[in-house]
Amino acid sequence: MKLVILFLFLIDPSQLIGRWILKFDGITLSVISSNAFQSTPKEQQDKILEMGEFFFENAYYEFTKDTVYWTDINPREKKVVLKKGKWIVSGDTLKVFDYEKIKPYNYLLKVNSSSNEFEMLIIFPNNSIARNKLVYSKK
């Protein structure tokens, strides 16, 4: 029985090969739904909304056999930053090794091959898991 349960959480890395665009940004949605955001001055709210929209319009991941390309946002300069690194899947965890960082980014991953989507939850350095997901759809 333990073997069957463990098998359910294993993800075939080949399912990620290809280009994926952001379909749902639960992080920004959570921010704009918060009391803190609601009490922020309108000018700052507008900037936050603008950056959220900018991120949503430009976010993607592209996985090849051993390399991943993705976008990040520089909010101060309002520009897209192209990133590149290595990636591996271990069980249900995606590890992205940014060539410019020492520690990898870790994500709890759920792949839905029937809808060509995957969900990511950030795993923080203290191993806690974000409550808000990002959903990517295969292009």
Protein backbone atom coordinates (compact mmCIF):
# COMPACT_ATOMS: atom_id res chain seq x y z
CA MET A 1 0.00 0.00 0.00
CA LYS A 2 2.81 2.45 0.82
CA LEU A 3 4.37 1.87 -2.59
CA VAL A 4 1.11 2.71 -4.37
CA ILE A 5 0.68 5.97 -2.43
CA LEU A 6 4.27 7.01 -3.13
CA PHE A 7 3.81 6.27 -6.83
CA LEU A 8 0.88 8.70 -7.05
CA PHE A 9 3.17 11.61 -6.13
CA LEU A 10 5.87 10.87 -8.69
CA ILE A 11 5.87 13.16 -11.70
CA ASP A 12 7.26 12.17 -15.08
CA PRO A 13 9.68 15.02 -15.95
CA SER A 14 9.03 14.57 -19.68
CA GLN A 15 5.52 15.97 -19.08
CA LEU A 16 7.11 19.39 -18.53
CA ILE A 17 9.03 19.58 -21.80
CA GLY A 18 7.76 22.54 -23.82
CA ARG A 19 6.64 26.12 -23.30
CA TRP A 20 4.14 27.02 -20.57
CA ILE A 21 2.40 30.37 -20.11
CA LEU A 22 0.89 31.71 -16.92
CA LYS A 23 -2.85 31.10 -16.75
CA PHE A 24 -3.62 31.93 -13.10
CA ASP A 25 -1.66 34.01 -10.58
CA GLY A 26 -2.93 33.21 -7.10
CA ILE A 27 -0.14 35.22 -5.48
CA THR A 28 -1.19 38.56 -6.95
CA LEU A 29 -4.84 37.70 -6.38
CA SER A 30 -4.08 37.08 -2.70
CA VAL A 31 -2.21 40.38 -2.41
CA ILE A 32 -4.99 42.48 -3.94
CA SER A 33 -7.59 40.72 -1.79
CA SER A 34 -5.73 41.48 1.43
CA ASN A 35 -6.66 44.09 4.02
CA ALA A 36 -3.14 45.51 3.74
CA PHE A 37 -3.67 46.19 0.03
CA GLN A 38 -7.08 47.73 0.66
CA SER A 39 -5.54 50.17 3.17
CA THR A 40 -2.71 51.12 0.79
CA PRO A 41 -2.93 54.52 -0.95
CA LYS A 42 -4.57 54.37 -4.40
CA GLU A 43 -1.36 55.38 -6.19
CA GLN A 44 0.50 52.42 -4.69
CA GLN A 45 -2.43 50.09 -5.40
CA ASP A 46 -2.29 51.13 -9.05
CA LYS A 47 1.45 50.38 -9.20
CA ILE A 48 0.94 46.96 -7.60
CA LEU A 49 -1.88 46.15 -10.02
CA GLU A 50 0.23 47.32 -12.96
CA MET A 51 3.14 45.07 -11.91
CA GLY A 52 0.79 42.14 -11.35
CA GLU A 53 -0.63 42.57 -14.83
CA PHE A 54 2.86 43.01 -16.30
CA PHE A 55 3.98 39.77 -14.63
CA PHE A 56 0.87 37.92 -15.82
CA GLU A 57 1.34 39.04 -19.42
CA ASN A 58 5.03 38.06 -19.56
CA ALA A 59 5.44 35.00 -17.33
CA TYR A 60 6.41 31.70 -18.89
CA TYR A 61 8.57 28.63 -18.35
CA GLU A 62 10.16 26.70 -21.18
CA PHE A 63 11.60 23.32 -20.32
CA THR A 64 14.03 21.47 -22.58
CA LYS A 65 15.71 18.18 -21.74
CA ASP A 66 18.06 19.71 -19.16
CA THR A 67 17.61 23.49 -19.35
CA VAL A 68 14.80 25.77 -18.27
CA TYR A 69 14.13 29.32 -19.46
CA TRP A 70 11.74 31.62 -17.64
CA THR A 71 10.89 35.22 -16.98
CA ASP A 72 11.15 37.32 -13.89
CA ILE A 73 10.13 40.94 -13.45
CA ASN A 74 12.28 43.86 -12.34
CA PRO A 75 9.57 46.10 -10.81
CA ARG A 76 11.86 49.13 -10.35
CA GLU A 77 12.68 49.31 -14.04
CA LYS A 78 9.42 47.68 -15.17
CA LYS A 79 11.19 45.25 -17.41
CA VAL A 80 11.21 41.55 -18.09
CA VAL A 81 14.32 39.68 -16.98
CA LEU A 82 15.08 36.51 -18.96
CA LYS A 83 16.41 33.70 -16.78
CA LYS A 84 18.11 30.39 -17.54
CA GLY A 85 19.09 27.39 -15.46
CA LYS A 86 18.96 23.65 -14.91
CA TRP A 87 15.96 21.77 -13.58
CA ILE A 88 15.10 18.42 -12.04
CA VAL A 89 11.96 16.81 -10.68
CA SER A 90 12.27 14.79 -7.51
CA GLY A 91 8.99 13.14 -6.52
CA ASP A 92 6.50 16.01 -6.53
CA THR A 93 9.12 18.76 -6.24
CA LEU A 94 10.48 20.85 -9.09
CA LYS A 95 13.96 22.25 -8.41
CA VAL A 96 15.09 25.14 -10.61
CA PHE A 97 18.77 26.01 -10.44
CA ASP A 98 19.12 29.61 -11.56
CA TYR A 99 22.62 30.16 -12.97
CA GLU A 100 22.78 33.46 -11.08
CA LYS A 101 21.79 32.08 -7.64
CA ILE A 102 23.44 29.72 -5.19
CA LYS A 103 20.34 27.96 -3.86
CA PRO A 104 17.68 26.45 -6.10
CA TYR A 105 14.05 27.53 -6.24
CA ASN A 106 11.84 24.70 -4.99
CA TYR A 107 8.21 24.23 -5.98
CA LEU A 108 5.57 21.70 -5.06
CA LEU A 109 4.30 20.59 -8.44
CA LYS A 110 1.03 19.11 -9.66
CA VAL A 111 0.82 18.21 -13.34
CA ASN A 112 -2.55 17.71 -15.01
CA SER A 113 -1.66 16.15 -18.35
CA SER A 114 -5.30 15.89 -19.50
CA SER A 115 -5.71 19.68 -19.39
CA ASN A 116 -2.07 20.48 -20.27
CA GLU A 117 -1.60 22.46 -17.06
CA PHE A 118 0.67 22.41 -14.07
CA GLU A 119 0.36 24.08 -10.69
CA MET A 120 3.28 25.41 -8.68
CA LEU A 121 3.42 26.26 -5.00
CA ILE A 122 6.59 27.88 -3.72
CA ILE A 123 8.49 25.90 -1.09
CA PHE A 124 10.20 28.45 1.15
CA PRO A 125 13.72 27.91 2.58
CA ASN A 126 12.18 26.86 5.94
CA ASN A 127 10.23 24.16 3.99
CA SER A 128 6.84 25.79 4.50
CA ILE A 129 4.65 25.80 1.40
CA ALA A 130 2.94 28.86 -0.05
CA ARG A 131 -0.85 28.87 0.07
CA ASN A 132 -1.24 30.56 -3.30
CA LYS A 133 -0.54 28.79 -6.54
CA LEU A 134 0.61 29.69 -9.99
CA VAL A 135 -1.03 27.74 -12.82
CA TYR A 136 0.71 27.40 -16.18
CA SER A 137 -0.83 26.11 -19.38
CA LYS A 138 1.06 24.45 -22.23
CA LYS A 139 1.31 26.65 -25.28
